[in-house]
Amino acid sequence: GYFTEPALRALFPPEDQAEHARSHV
């Protein structure tokens, strides 16, 4: 969901999103 659904990514502040992506992977 984090990589395919913008609504799920929008649950987090924009400045935190890159770190969440890195951590998930």
PDBML (XML) file of the C-alpha atoms, coordinates in Angstrom:
<?xml version="1.0" encoding="UTF-8" ?>
<PDBx:datablock datablockName="MODEL"
   xmlns:PDBx="http://pdbml.pdb.org/schema/pdbx-v50.xsd"
   xmlns:xsi="http://www.w3.org/2001/XMLSchema-instance"
   xsi:schemaLocation="http://pdbml.pdb.org/schema/pdbx-v50.xsd pdbx-v50.xsd">
   <PDBx:atom_siteCategory>
      <PDBx:atom_site id="1">
         <PDBx:B_iso_or_equiv>0.00</PDBx:B_iso_or_equiv>
         <PDBx:Cartn_x>0.000</PDBx:Cartn_x>
         <PDBx:Cartn_y>0.000</PDBx:Cartn_y>
         <PDBx:Cartn_z>0.000</PDBx:Cartn_z>
         <PDBx:auth_asym_id>A</PDBx:auth_asym_id>
         <PDBx:auth_atom_id>CA</PDBx:auth_atom_id>
         <PDBx:auth_comp_id>GLY</PDBx:auth_comp_id>
         <PDBx:auth_seq_id>1</PDBx:auth_seq_id>
         <PDBx:group_PDB>ATOM</PDBx:group_PDB>
         <PDBx:label_alt_id xsi:nil="true" />
         <PDBx:label_asym_id>A</PDBx:label_asym_id>
         <PDBx:label_atom_id>CA</PDBx:label_atom_id>
         <PDBx:label_comp_id>GLY</PDBx:label_comp_id>
         <PDBx:label_entity_id>1</PDBx:label_entity_id>
         <PDBx:label_seq_id>1</PDBx:label_seq_id>
         <PDBx:occupancy>1.00</PDBx:occupancy>
         <PDBx:pdbx_PDB_model_num>1</PDBx:pdbx_PDB_model_num>
         <PDBx:type_symbol>C</PDBx:type_symbol>
      </PDBx:atom_site>
      <PDBx:atom_site id="2">
         <PDBx:B_iso_or_equiv>0.00</PDBx:B_iso_or_equiv>
         <PDBx:Cartn_x>2.776</PDBx:Cartn_x>
         <PDBx:Cartn_y>2.443</PDBx:Cartn_y>
         <PDBx:Cartn_z>0.817</PDBx:Cartn_z>
         <PDBx:auth_asym_id>A</PDBx:auth_asym_id>
         <PDBx:auth_atom_id>CA</PDBx:auth_atom_id>
         <PDBx:auth_comp_id>TYR</PDBx:auth_comp_id>
         <PDBx:auth_seq_id>2</PDBx:auth_seq_id>
         <PDBx:group_PDB>ATOM</PDBx:group_PDB>
         <PDBx:label_alt_id xsi:nil="true" />
         <PDBx:label_asym_id>A</PDBx:label_asym_id>
         <PDBx:label_atom_id>CA</PDBx:label_atom_id>
         <PDBx:label_comp_id>TYR</PDBx:label_comp_id>
         <PDBx:label_entity_id>1</PDBx:label_entity_id>
         <PDBx:label_seq_id>2</PDBx:label_seq_id>
         <PDBx:occupancy>1.00</PDBx:occupancy>
         <PDBx:pdbx_PDB_model_num>1</PDBx:pdbx_PDB_model_num>
         <PDBx:type_symbol>C</PDBx:type_symbol>
      </PDBx:atom_site>
      <PDBx:atom_site id="3">
         <PDBx:B_iso_or_equiv>0.00</PDBx:B_iso_or_equiv>
         <PDBx:Cartn_x>4.242</PDBx:Cartn_x>
         <PDBx:Cartn_y>2.194</PDBx:Cartn_y>
         <PDBx:Cartn_z>-2.690</PDBx:Cartn_z>
         <PDBx:auth_asym_id>A</PDBx:auth_asym_id>
         <PDBx:auth_atom_id>CA</PDBx:auth_atom_id>
         <PDBx:auth_comp_id>PHE</PDBx:auth_comp_id>
         <PDBx:auth_seq_id>3</PDBx:auth_seq_id>
         <PDBx:group_PDB>ATOM</PDBx:group_PDB>
         <PDBx:label_alt_id xsi:nil="true" />
         <PDBx:label_asym_id>A</PDBx:label_asym_id>
         <PDBx:label_atom_id>CA</PDBx:label_atom_id>
         <PDBx:label_comp_id>PHE</PDBx:label_comp_id>
         <PDBx:label_entity_id>1</PDBx:label_entity_id>
         <PDBx:label_seq_id>3</PDBx:label_seq_id>
         <PDBx:occupancy>1.00</PDBx:occupancy>
         <PDBx:pdbx_PDB_model_num>1</PDBx:pdbx_PDB_model_num>
         <PDBx:type_symbol>C</PDBx:type_symbol>
      </PDBx:atom_site>
      <PDBx:atom_site id="4">
         <PDBx:B_iso_or_equiv>0.00</PDBx:B_iso_or_equiv>
         <PDBx:Cartn_x>0.981</PDBx:Cartn_x>
         <PDBx:Cartn_y>1.909</PDBx:Cartn_y>
         <PDBx:Cartn_z>-4.651</PDBx:Cartn_z>
         <PDBx:auth_asym_id>A</PDBx:auth_asym_id>
         <PDBx:auth_atom_id>CA</PDBx:auth_atom_id>
         <PDBx:auth_comp_id>THR</PDBx:auth_comp_id>
         <PDBx:auth_seq_id>4</PDBx:auth_seq_id>
         <PDBx:group_PDB>ATOM</PDBx:group_PDB>
         <PDBx:label_alt_id xsi:nil="true" />
         <PDBx:label_asym_id>A</PDBx:label_asym_id>
         <PDBx:label_atom_id>CA</PDBx:label_atom_id>
         <PDBx:label_comp_id>THR</PDBx:label_comp_id>
         <PDBx:label_entity_id>1</PDBx:label_entity_id>
         <PDBx:label_seq_id>4</PDBx:label_seq_id>
         <PDBx:occupancy>1.00</PDBx:occupancy>
         <PDBx:pdbx_PDB_model_num>1</PDBx:pdbx_PDB_model_num>
         <PDBx:type_symbol>C</PDBx:type_symbol>
      </PDBx:atom_site>
      <PDBx:atom_site id="5">
         <PDBx:B_iso_or_equiv>0.00</PDBx:B_iso_or_equiv>
         <PDBx:Cartn_x>-1.648</PDBx:Cartn_x>
         <PDBx:Cartn_y>3.930</PDBx:Cartn_y>
         <PDBx:Cartn_z>-2.744</PDBx:Cartn_z>
         <PDBx:auth_asym_id>A</PDBx:auth_asym_id>
         <PDBx:auth_atom_id>CA</PDBx:auth_atom_id>
         <PDBx:auth_comp_id>GLU</PDBx:auth_comp_id>
         <PDBx:auth_seq_id>5</PDBx:auth_seq_id>
         <PDBx:group_PDB>ATOM</PDBx:group_PDB>
         <PDBx:label_alt_id xsi:nil="true" />
         <PDBx:label_asym_id>A</PDBx:label_asym_id>
         <PDBx:label_atom_id>CA</PDBx:label_atom_id>
         <PDBx:label_comp_id>GLU</PDBx:label_comp_id>
         <PDBx:label_entity_id>1</PDBx:label_entity_id>
         <PDBx:label_seq_id>5</PDBx:label_seq_id>
         <PDBx:occupancy>1.00</PDBx:occupancy>
         <PDBx:pdbx_PDB_model_num>1</PDBx:pdbx_PDB_model_num>
         <PDBx:type_symbol>C</PDBx:type_symbol>
      </PDBx:atom_site>
      <PDBx:atom_site id="6">
         <PDBx:B_iso_or_equiv>0.00</PDBx:B_iso_or_equiv>
         <PDBx:Cartn_x>-1.079</PDBx:Cartn_x>
         <PDBx:Cartn_y>7.685</PDBx:Cartn_y>
         <PDBx:Cartn_z>-2.340</PDBx:Cartn_z>
         <PDBx:auth_asym_id>A</PDBx:auth_asym_id>
         <PDBx:auth_atom_id>CA</PDBx:auth_atom_id>
         <PDBx:auth_comp_id>PRO</PDBx:auth_comp_id>
         <PDBx:auth_seq_id>6</PDBx:auth_seq_id>
         <PDBx:group_PDB>ATOM</PDBx:group_PDB>
         <PDBx:label_alt_id xsi:nil="true" />
         <PDBx:label_asym_id>A</PDBx:label_asym_id>
         <PDBx:label_atom_id>CA</PDBx:label_atom_id>
         <PDBx:label_comp_id>PRO</PDBx:label_comp_id>
         <PDBx:label_entity_id>1</PDBx:label_entity_id>
         <PDBx:label_seq_id>6</PDBx:label_seq_id>
         <PDBx:occupancy>1.00</PDBx:occupancy>
         <PDBx:pdbx_PDB_model_num>1</PDBx:pdbx_PDB_model_num>
         <PDBx:type_symbol>C</PDBx:type_symbol>
      </PDBx:atom_site>
      <PDBx:atom_site id="7">
         <PDBx:B_iso_or_equiv>0.00</PDBx:B_iso_or_equiv>
         <PDBx:Cartn_x>-3.735</PDBx:Cartn_x>
         <PDBx:Cartn_y>7.858</PDBx:Cartn_y>
         <PDBx:Cartn_z>0.390</PDBx:Cartn_z>
         <PDBx:auth_asym_id>A</PDBx:auth_asym_id>
         <PDBx:auth_atom_id>CA</PDBx:auth_atom_id>
         <PDBx:auth_comp_id>ALA</PDBx:auth_comp_id>
         <PDBx:auth_seq_id>7</PDBx:auth_seq_id>
         <PDBx:group_PDB>ATOM</PDBx:group_PDB>
         <PDBx:label_alt_id xsi:nil="true" />
         <PDBx:label_asym_id>A</PDBx:label_asym_id>
         <PDBx:label_atom_id>CA</PDBx:label_atom_id>
         <PDBx:label_comp_id>ALA</PDBx:label_comp_id>
         <PDBx:label_entity_id>1</PDBx:label_entity_id>
         <PDBx:label_seq_id>7</PDBx:label_seq_id>
         <PDBx:occupancy>1.00</PDBx:occupancy>
         <PDBx:pdbx_PDB_model_num>1</PDBx:pdbx_PDB_model_num>
         <PDBx:type_symbol>C</PDBx:type_symbol>
      </PDBx:atom_site>
      <PDBx:atom_site id="8">
         <PDBx:B_iso_or_equiv>0.00</PDBx:B_iso_or_equiv>
         <PDBx:Cartn_x>-1.731</PDBx:Cartn_x>
         <PDBx:Cartn_y>5.533</PDBx:Cartn_y>
         <PDBx:Cartn_z>2.623</PDBx:Cartn_z>
         <PDBx:auth_asym_id>A</PDBx:auth_asym_id>
         <PDBx:auth_atom_id>CA</PDBx:auth_atom_id>
         <PDBx:auth_comp_id>LEU</PDBx:auth_comp_id>
         <PDBx:auth_seq_id>8</PDBx:auth_seq_id>
         <PDBx:group_PDB>ATOM</PDBx:group_PDB>
         <PDBx:label_alt_id xsi:nil="true" />
         <PDBx:label_asym_id>A</PDBx:label_asym_id>
         <PDBx:label_atom_id>CA</PDBx:label_atom_id>
         <PDBx:label_comp_id>LEU</PDBx:label_comp_id>
         <PDBx:label_entity_id>1</PDBx:label_entity_id>
         <PDBx:label_seq_id>8</PDBx:label_seq_id>
         <PDBx:occupancy>1.00</PDBx:occupancy>
         <PDBx:pdbx_PDB_model_num>1</PDBx:pdbx_PDB_model_num>
         <PDBx:type_symbol>C</PDBx:type_symbol>
      </PDBx:atom_site>
      <PDBx:atom_site id="9">
         <PDBx:B_iso_or_equiv>0.00</PDBx:B_iso_or_equiv>
         <PDBx:Cartn_x>1.460</PDBx:Cartn_x>
         <PDBx:Cartn_y>7.517</PDBx:Cartn_y>
         <PDBx:Cartn_z>2.140</PDBx:Cartn_z>
         <PDBx:auth_asym_id>A</PDBx:auth_asym_id>
         <PDBx:auth_atom_id>CA</PDBx:auth_atom_id>
         <PDBx:auth_comp_id>ARG</PDBx:auth_comp_id>
         <PDBx:auth_seq_id>9</PDBx:auth_seq_id>
         <PDBx:group_PDB>ATOM</PDBx:group_PDB>
         <PDBx:label_alt_id xsi:nil="true" />
         <PDBx:label_asym_id>A</PDBx:label_asym_id>
         <PDBx:label_atom_id>CA</PDBx:label_atom_id>
         <PDBx:label_comp_id>ARG</PDBx:label_comp_id>
         <PDBx:label_entity_id>1</PDBx:label_entity_id>
         <PDBx:label_seq_id>9</PDBx:label_seq_id>
         <PDBx:occupancy>1.00</PDBx:occupancy>
         <PDBx:pdbx_PDB_model_num>1</PDBx:pdbx_PDB_model_num>
         <PDBx:type_symbol>C</PDBx:type_symbol>
      </PDBx:atom_site>
      <PDBx:atom_site id="10">
         <PDBx:B_iso_or_equiv>0.00</PDBx:B_iso_or_equiv>
         <PDBx:Cartn_x>-0.455</PDBx:Cartn_x>
         <PDBx:Cartn_y>10.714</PDBx:Cartn_y>
         <PDBx:Cartn_z>2.957</PDBx:Cartn_z>
         <PDBx:auth_asym_id>A</PDBx:auth_asym_id>
         <PDBx:auth_atom_id>CA</PDBx:auth_atom_id>
         <PDBx:auth_comp_id>ALA</PDBx:auth_comp_id>
         <PDBx:auth_seq_id>10</PDBx:auth_seq_id>
         <PDBx:group_PDB>ATOM</PDBx:group_PDB>
         <PDBx:label_alt_id xsi:nil="true" />
         <PDBx:label_asym_id>A</PDBx:label_asym_id>
         <PDBx:label_atom_id>CA</PDBx:label_atom_id>
         <PDBx:label_comp_id>ALA</PDBx:label_comp_id>
         <PDBx:label_entity_id>1</PDBx:label_entity_id>
         <PDBx:label_seq_id>10</PDBx:label_seq_id>
         <PDBx:occupancy>1.00</PDBx:occupancy>
         <PDBx:pdbx_PDB_model_num>1</PDBx:pdbx_PDB_model_num>
         <PDBx:type_symbol>C</PDBx:type_symbol>
      </PDBx:atom_site>
      <PDBx:atom_site id="11">
         <PDBx:B_iso_or_equiv>0.00</PDBx:B_iso_or_equiv>
         <PDBx:Cartn_x>-0.961</PDBx:Cartn_x>
         <PDBx:Cartn_y>9.429</PDBx:Cartn_y>
         <PDBx:Cartn_z>6.510</PDBx:Cartn_z>
         <PDBx:auth_asym_id>A</PDBx:auth_asym_id>
         <PDBx:auth_atom_id>CA</PDBx:auth_atom_id>
         <PDBx:auth_comp_id>LEU</PDBx:auth_comp_id>
         <PDBx:auth_seq_id>11</PDBx:auth_seq_id>
         <PDBx:group_PDB>ATOM</PDBx:group_PDB>
         <PDBx:label_alt_id xsi:nil="true" />
         <PDBx:label_asym_id>A</PDBx:label_asym_id>
         <PDBx:label_atom_id>CA</PDBx:label_atom_id>
         <PDBx:label_comp_id>LEU</PDBx:label_comp_id>
         <PDBx:label_entity_id>1</PDBx:label_entity_id>
         <PDBx:label_seq_id>11</PDBx:label_seq_id>
         <PDBx:occupancy>1.00</PDBx:occupancy>
         <PDBx:pdbx_PDB_model_num>1</PDBx:pdbx_PDB_model_num>
         <PDBx:type_symbol>C</PDBx:type_symbol>
      </PDBx:atom_site>
      <PDBx:atom_site id="12">
         <PDBx:B_iso_or_equiv>0.00</PDBx:B_iso_or_equiv>
         <PDBx:Cartn_x>2.608</PDBx:Cartn_x>
         <PDBx:Cartn_y>10.607</PDBx:Cartn_y>
         <PDBx:Cartn_z>7.197</PDBx:Cartn_z>
         <PDBx:auth_asym_id>A</PDBx:auth_asym_id>
         <PDBx:auth_atom_id>CA</PDBx:auth_atom_id>
         <PDBx:auth_comp_id>PHE</PDBx:auth_comp_id>
         <PDBx:auth_seq_id>12</PDBx:auth_seq_id>
         <PDBx:group_PDB>ATOM</PDBx:group_PDB>
         <PDBx:label_alt_id xsi:nil="true" />
         <PDBx:label_asym_id>A</PDBx:label_asym_id>
         <PDBx:label_atom_id>CA</PDBx:label_atom_id>
         <PDBx:label_comp_id>PHE</PDBx:label_comp_id>
         <PDBx:label_entity_id>1</PDBx:label_entity_id>
         <PDBx:label_seq_id>12</PDBx:label_seq_id>
         <PDBx:occupancy>1.00</PDBx:occupancy>
         <PDBx:pdbx_PDB_model_num>1</PDBx:pdbx_PDB_model_num>
         <PDBx:type_symbol>C</PDBx:type_symbol>
      </PDBx:atom_site>
      <PDBx:atom_site id="13">
         <PDBx:B_iso_or_equiv>0.00</PDBx:B_iso_or_equiv>
         <PDBx:Cartn_x>4.134</PDBx:Cartn_x>
         <PDBx:Cartn_y>14.108</PDBx:Cartn_y>
         <PDBx:Cartn_z>6.938</PDBx:Cartn_z>
         <PDBx:auth_asym_id>A</PDBx:auth_asym_id>
         <PDBx:auth_atom_id>CA</PDBx:auth_atom_id>
         <PDBx:auth_comp_id>PRO</PDBx:auth_comp_id>
         <PDBx:auth_seq_id>13</PDBx:auth_seq_id>
         <PDBx:group_PDB>ATOM</PDBx:group_PDB>
         <PDBx:label_alt_id xsi:nil="true" />
         <PDBx:label_asym_id>A</PDBx:label_asym_id>
         <PDBx:label_atom_id>CA</PDBx:label_atom_id>
         <PDBx:label_comp_id>PRO</PDBx:label_comp_id>
         <PDBx:label_entity_id>1</PDBx:label_entity_id>
         <PDBx:label_seq_id>13</PDBx:label_seq_id>
         <PDBx:occupancy>1.00</PDBx:occupancy>
         <PDBx:pdbx_PDB_model_num>1</PDBx:pdbx_PDB_model_num>
         <PDBx:type_symbol>C</PDBx:type_symbol>
      </PDBx:atom_site>
      <PDBx:atom_site id="14">
         <PDBx:B_iso_or_equiv>0.00</PDBx:B_iso_or_equiv>
         <PDBx:Cartn_x>5.853</PDBx:Cartn_x>
         <PDBx:Cartn_y>14.702</PDBx:Cartn_y>
         <PDBx:Cartn_z>3.580</PDBx:Cartn_z>
         <PDBx:auth_asym_id>A</PDBx:auth_asym_id>
         <PDBx:auth_atom_id>CA</PDBx:auth_atom_id>
         <PDBx:auth_comp_id>PRO</PDBx:auth_comp_id>
         <PDBx:auth_seq_id>14</PDBx:auth_seq_id>
         <PDBx:group_PDB>ATOM</PDBx:group_PDB>
         <PDBx:label_alt_id xsi:nil="true" />
         <PDBx:label_asym_id>A</PDBx:label_asym_id>
         <PDBx:label_atom_id>CA</PDBx:label_atom_id>
         <PDBx:label_comp_id>PRO</PDBx:label_comp_id>
         <PDBx:label_entity_id>1</PDBx:label_entity_id>
         <PDBx:label_seq_id>14</PDBx:label_seq_id>
         <PDBx:occupancy>1.00</PDBx:occupancy>
         <PDBx:pdbx_PDB_model_num>1</PDBx:pdbx_PDB_model_num>
         <PDBx:type_symbol>C</PDBx:type_symbol>
      </PDBx:atom_site>
      <PDBx:atom_site id="15">
         <PDBx:B_iso_or_equiv>0.00</PDBx:B_iso_or_equiv>
         <PDBx:Cartn_x>9.258</PDBx:Cartn_x>
         <PDBx:Cartn_y>15.139</PDBx:Cartn_y>
         <PDBx:Cartn_z>5.246</PDBx:Cartn_z>
         <PDBx:auth_asym_id>A</PDBx:auth_asym_id>
         <PDBx:auth_atom_id>CA</PDBx:auth_atom_id>
         <PDBx:auth_comp_id>GLU</PDBx:auth_comp_id>
         <PDBx:auth_seq_id>15</PDBx:auth_seq_id>
         <PDBx:group_PDB>ATOM</PDBx:group_PDB>
         <PDBx:label_alt_id xsi:nil="true" />
         <PDBx:label_asym_id>A</PDBx:label_asym_id>
         <PDBx:label_atom_id>CA</PDBx:label_atom_id>
         <PDBx:label_comp_id>GLU</PDBx:label_comp_id>
         <PDBx:label_entity_id>1</PDBx:label_entity_id>
         <PDBx:label_seq_id>15</PDBx:label_seq_id>
         <PDBx:occupancy>1.00</PDBx:occupancy>
         <PDBx:pdbx_PDB_model_num>1</PDBx:pdbx_PDB_model_num>
         <PDBx:type_symbol>C</PDBx:type_symbol>
      </PDBx:atom_site>
      <PDBx:atom_site id="16">
         <PDBx:B_iso_or_equiv>0.00</PDBx:B_iso_or_equiv>
         <PDBx:Cartn_x>8.964</PDBx:Cartn_x>
         <PDBx:Cartn_y>11.658</PDBx:Cartn_y>
         <PDBx:Cartn_z>6.846</PDBx:Cartn_z>
         <PDBx:auth_asym_id>A</PDBx:auth_asym_id>
         <PDBx:auth_atom_id>CA</PDBx:auth_atom_id>
         <PDBx:auth_comp_id>ASP</PDBx:auth_comp_id>
         <PDBx:auth_seq_id>16</PDBx:auth_seq_id>
         <PDBx:group_PDB>ATOM</PDBx:group_PDB>
         <PDBx:label_alt_id xsi:nil="true" />
         <PDBx:label_asym_id>A</PDBx:label_asym_id>
         <PDBx:label_atom_id>CA</PDBx:label_atom_id>
         <PDBx:label_comp_id>ASP</PDBx:label_comp_id>
         <PDBx:label_entity_id>1</PDBx:label_entity_id>
         <PDBx:label_seq_id>16</PDBx:label_seq_id>
         <PDBx:occupancy>1.00</PDBx:occupancy>
         <PDBx:pdbx_PDB_model_num>1</PDBx:pdbx_PDB_model_num>
         <PDBx:type_symbol>C</PDBx:type_symbol>
      </PDBx:atom_site>
      <PDBx:atom_site id="17">
         <PDBx:B_iso_or_equiv>0.00</PDBx:B_iso_or_equiv>
         <PDBx:Cartn_x>7.846</PDBx:Cartn_x>
         <PDBx:Cartn_y>9.733</PDBx:Cartn_y>
         <PDBx:Cartn_z>3.782</PDBx:Cartn_z>
         <PDBx:auth_asym_id>A</PDBx:auth_asym_id>
         <PDBx:auth_atom_id>CA</PDBx:auth_atom_id>
         <PDBx:auth_comp_id>GLN</PDBx:auth_comp_id>
         <PDBx:auth_seq_id>17</PDBx:auth_seq_id>
         <PDBx:group_PDB>ATOM</PDBx:group_PDB>
         <PDBx:label_alt_id xsi:nil="true" />
         <PDBx:label_asym_id>A</PDBx:label_asym_id>
         <PDBx:label_atom_id>CA</PDBx:label_atom_id>
         <PDBx:label_comp_id>GLN</PDBx:label_comp_id>
         <PDBx:label_entity_id>1</PDBx:label_entity_id>
         <PDBx:label_seq_id>17</PDBx:label_seq_id>
         <PDBx:occupancy>1.00</PDBx:occupancy>
         <PDBx:pdbx_PDB_model_num>1</PDBx:pdbx_PDB_model_num>
         <PDBx:type_symbol>C</PDBx:type_symbol>
      </PDBx:atom_site>
      <PDBx:atom_site id="18">
         <PDBx:B_iso_or_equiv>0.00</PDBx:B_iso_or_equiv>
         <PDBx:Cartn_x>11.258</PDBx:Cartn_x>
         <PDBx:Cartn_y>8.971</PDBx:Cartn_y>
         <PDBx:Cartn_z>2.301</PDBx:Cartn_z>
         <PDBx:auth_asym_id>A</PDBx:auth_asym_id>
         <PDBx:auth_atom_id>CA</PDBx:auth_atom_id>
         <PDBx:auth_comp_id>ALA</PDBx:auth_comp_id>
         <PDBx:auth_seq_id>18</PDBx:auth_seq_id>
         <PDBx:group_PDB>ATOM</PDBx:group_PDB>
         <PDBx:label_alt_id xsi:nil="true" />
         <PDBx:label_asym_id>A</PDBx:label_asym_id>
         <PDBx:label_atom_id>CA</PDBx:label_atom_id>
         <PDBx:label_comp_id>ALA</PDBx:label_comp_id>
         <PDBx:label_entity_id>1</PDBx:label_entity_id>
         <PDBx:label_seq_id>18</PDBx:label_seq_id>
         <PDBx:occupancy>1.00</PDBx:occupancy>
         <PDBx:pdbx_PDB_model_num>1</PDBx:pdbx_PDB_model_num>
         <PDBx:type_symbol>C</PDBx:type_symbol>
      </PDBx:atom_site>
      <PDBx:atom_site id="19">
         <PDBx:B_iso_or_equiv>0.00</PDBx:B_iso_or_equiv>
         <PDBx:Cartn_x>12.426</PDBx:Cartn_x>
         <PDBx:Cartn_y>7.431</PDBx:Cartn_y>
         <PDBx:Cartn_z>5.584</PDBx:Cartn_z>
         <PDBx:auth_asym_id>A</PDBx:auth_asym_id>
         <PDBx:auth_atom_id>CA</PDBx:auth_atom_id>
         <PDBx:auth_comp_id>GLU</PDBx:auth_comp_id>
         <PDBx:auth_seq_id>19</PDBx:auth_seq_id>
         <PDBx:group_PDB>ATOM</PDBx:group_PDB>
         <PDBx:label_alt_id xsi:nil="true" />
         <PDBx:label_asym_id>A</PDBx:label_asym_id>
         <PDBx:label_atom_id>CA</PDBx:label_atom_id>
         <PDBx:label_comp_id>GLU</PDBx:label_comp_id>
         <PDBx:label_entity_id>1</PDBx:label_entity_id>
         <PDBx:label_seq_id>19</PDBx:label_seq_id>
         <PDBx:occupancy>1.00</PDBx:occupancy>
         <PDBx:pdbx_PDB_model_num>1</PDBx:pdbx_PDB_model_num>
         <PDBx:type_symbol>C</PDBx:type_symbol>
      </PDBx:atom_site>
      <PDBx:atom_site id="20">
         <PDBx:B_iso_or_equiv>0.00</PDBx:B_iso_or_equiv>
         <PDBx:Cartn_x>9.304</PDBx:Cartn_x>
         <PDBx:Cartn_y>5.271</PDBx:Cartn_y>
         <PDBx:Cartn_z>5.805</PDBx:Cartn_z>
         <PDBx:auth_asym_id>A</PDBx:auth_asym_id>
         <PDBx:auth_atom_id>CA</PDBx:auth_atom_id>
         <PDBx:auth_comp_id>HIS</PDBx:auth_comp_id>
         <PDBx:auth_seq_id>20</PDBx:auth_seq_id>
         <PDBx:group_PDB>ATOM</PDBx:group_PDB>
         <PDBx:label_alt_id xsi:nil="true" />
         <PDBx:label_asym_id>A</PDBx:label_asym_id>
         <PDBx:label_atom_id>CA</PDBx:label_atom_id>
         <PDBx:label_comp_id>HIS</PDBx:label_comp_id>
         <PDBx:label_entity_id>1</PDBx:label_entity_id>
         <PDBx:label_seq_id>20</PDBx:label_seq_id>
         <PDBx:occupancy>1.00</PDBx:occupancy>
         <PDBx:pdbx_PDB_model_num>1</PDBx:pdbx_PDB_model_num>
         <PDBx:type_symbol>C</PDBx:type_symbol>
      </PDBx:atom_site>
      <PDBx:atom_site id="21">
         <PDBx:B_iso_or_equiv>0.00</PDBx:B_iso_or_equiv>
         <PDBx:Cartn_x>9.905</PDBx:Cartn_x>
         <PDBx:Cartn_y>4.043</PDBx:Cartn_y>
         <PDBx:Cartn_z>2.260</PDBx:Cartn_z>
         <PDBx:auth_asym_id>A</PDBx:auth_asym_id>
         <PDBx:auth_atom_id>CA</PDBx:auth_atom_id>
         <PDBx:auth_comp_id>ALA</PDBx:auth_comp_id>
         <PDBx:auth_seq_id>21</PDBx:auth_seq_id>
         <PDBx:group_PDB>ATOM</PDBx:group_PDB>
         <PDBx:label_alt_id xsi:nil="true" />
         <PDBx:label_asym_id>A</PDBx:label_asym_id>
         <PDBx:label_atom_id>CA</PDBx:label_atom_id>
         <PDBx:label_comp_id>ALA</PDBx:label_comp_id>
         <PDBx:label_entity_id>1</PDBx:label_entity_id>
         <PDBx:label_seq_id>21</PDBx:label_seq_id>
         <PDBx:occupancy>1.00</PDBx:occupancy>
         <PDBx:pdbx_PDB_model_num>1</PDBx:pdbx_PDB_model_num>
         <PDBx:type_symbol>C</PDBx:type_symbol>
      </PDBx:atom_site>
      <PDBx:atom_site id="22">
         <PDBx:B_iso_or_equiv>0.00</PDBx:B_iso_or_equiv>
         <PDBx:Cartn_x>13.515</PDBx:Cartn_x>
         <PDBx:Cartn_y>3.179</PDBx:Cartn_y>
         <PDBx:Cartn_z>3.043</PDBx:Cartn_z>
         <PDBx:auth_asym_id>A</PDBx:auth_asym_id>
         <PDBx:auth_atom_id>CA</PDBx:auth_atom_id>
         <PDBx:auth_comp_id>ARG</PDBx:auth_comp_id>
         <PDBx:auth_seq_id>22</PDBx:auth_seq_id>
         <PDBx:group_PDB>ATOM</PDBx:group_PDB>
         <PDBx:label_alt_id xsi:nil="true" />
         <PDBx:label_asym_id>A</PDBx:label_asym_id>
         <PDBx:label_atom_id>CA</PDBx:label_atom_id>
         <PDBx:label_comp_id>ARG</PDBx:label_comp_id>
         <PDBx:label_entity_id>1</PDBx:label_entity_id>
         <PDBx:label_seq_id>22</PDBx:label_seq_id>
         <PDBx:occupancy>1.00</PDBx:occupancy>
         <PDBx:pdbx_PDB_model_num>1</PDBx:pdbx_PDB_model_num>
         <PDBx:type_symbol>C</PDBx:type_symbol>
      </PDBx:atom_site>
      <PDBx:atom_site id="23">
         <PDBx:B_iso_or_equiv>0.00</PDBx:B_iso_or_equiv>
         <PDBx:Cartn_x>12.546</PDBx:Cartn_x>
         <PDBx:Cartn_y>1.379</PDBx:Cartn_y>
         <PDBx:Cartn_z>6.251</PDBx:Cartn_z>
         <PDBx:auth_asym_id>A</PDBx:auth_asym_id>
         <PDBx:auth_atom_id>CA</PDBx:auth_atom_id>
         <PDBx:auth_comp_id>SER</PDBx:auth_comp_id>
         <PDBx:auth_seq_id>23</PDBx:auth_seq_id>
         <PDBx:group_PDB>ATOM</PDBx:group_PDB>
         <PDBx:label_alt_id xsi:nil="true" />
         <PDBx:label_asym_id>A</PDBx:label_asym_id>
         <PDBx:label_atom_id>CA</PDBx:label_atom_id>
         <PDBx:label_comp_id>SER</PDBx:label_comp_id>
         <PDBx:label_entity_id>1</PDBx:label_entity_id>
         <PDBx:label_seq_id>23</PDBx:label_seq_id>
         <PDBx:occupancy>1.00</PDBx:occupancy>
         <PDBx:pdbx_PDB_model_num>1</PDBx:pdbx_PDB_model_num>
         <PDBx:type_symbol>C</PDBx:type_symbol>
      </PDBx:atom_site>
      <PDBx:atom_site id="24">
         <PDBx:B_iso_or_equiv>0.00</PDBx:B_iso_or_equiv>
         <PDBx:Cartn_x>9.804</PDBx:Cartn_x>
         <PDBx:Cartn_y>-0.685</PDBx:Cartn_y>
         <PDBx:Cartn_z>4.574</PDBx:Cartn_z>
         <PDBx:auth_asym_id>A</PDBx:auth_asym_id>
         <PDBx:auth_atom_id>CA</PDBx:auth_atom_id>
         <PDBx:auth_comp_id>HIS</PDBx:auth_comp_id>
         <PDBx:auth_seq_id>24</PDBx:auth_seq_id>
         <PDBx:group_PDB>ATOM</PDBx:group_PDB>
         <PDBx:label_alt_id xsi:nil="true" />
         <PDBx:label_asym_id>A</PDBx:label_asym_id>
         <PDBx:label_atom_id>CA</PDBx:label_atom_id>
         <PDBx:label_comp_id>HIS</PDBx:label_comp_id>
         <PDBx:label_entity_id>1</PDBx:label_entity_id>
         <PDBx:label_seq_id>24</PDBx:label_seq_id>
         <PDBx:occupancy>1.00</PDBx:occupancy>
         <PDBx:pdbx_PDB_model_num>1</PDBx:pdbx_PDB_model_num>
         <PDBx:type_symbol>C</PDBx:type_symbol>
      </PDBx:atom_site>
      <PDBx:atom_site id="25">
         <PDBx:B_iso_or_equiv>0.00</PDBx:B_iso_or_equiv>
         <PDBx:Cartn_x>12.196</PDBx:Cartn_x>
         <PDBx:Cartn_y>-1.899</PDBx:Cartn_y>
         <PDBx:Cartn_z>1.888</PDBx:Cartn_z>
         <PDBx:auth_asym_id>A</PDBx:auth_asym_id>
         <PDBx:auth_atom_id>CA</PDBx:auth_atom_id>
         <PDBx:auth_comp_id>VAL</PDBx:auth_comp_id>
         <PDBx:auth_seq_id>25</PDBx:auth_seq_id>
         <PDBx:group_PDB>ATOM</PDBx:group_PDB>
         <PDBx:label_alt_id xsi:nil="true" />
         <PDBx:label_asym_id>A</PDBx:label_asym_id>
         <PDBx:label_atom_id>CA</PDBx:label_atom_id>
         <PDBx:label_comp_id>VAL</PDBx:label_comp_id>
         <PDBx:label_entity_id>1</PDBx:label_entity_id>
         <PDBx:label_seq_id>25</PDBx:label_seq_id>
         <PDBx:occupancy>1.00</PDBx:occupancy>
         <PDBx:pdbx_PDB_model_num>1</PDBx:pdbx_PDB_model_num>
         <PDBx:type_symbol>C</PDBx:type_symbol>
      </PDBx:atom_site>
   </PDBx:atom_siteCategory>
</PDBx:datablock>
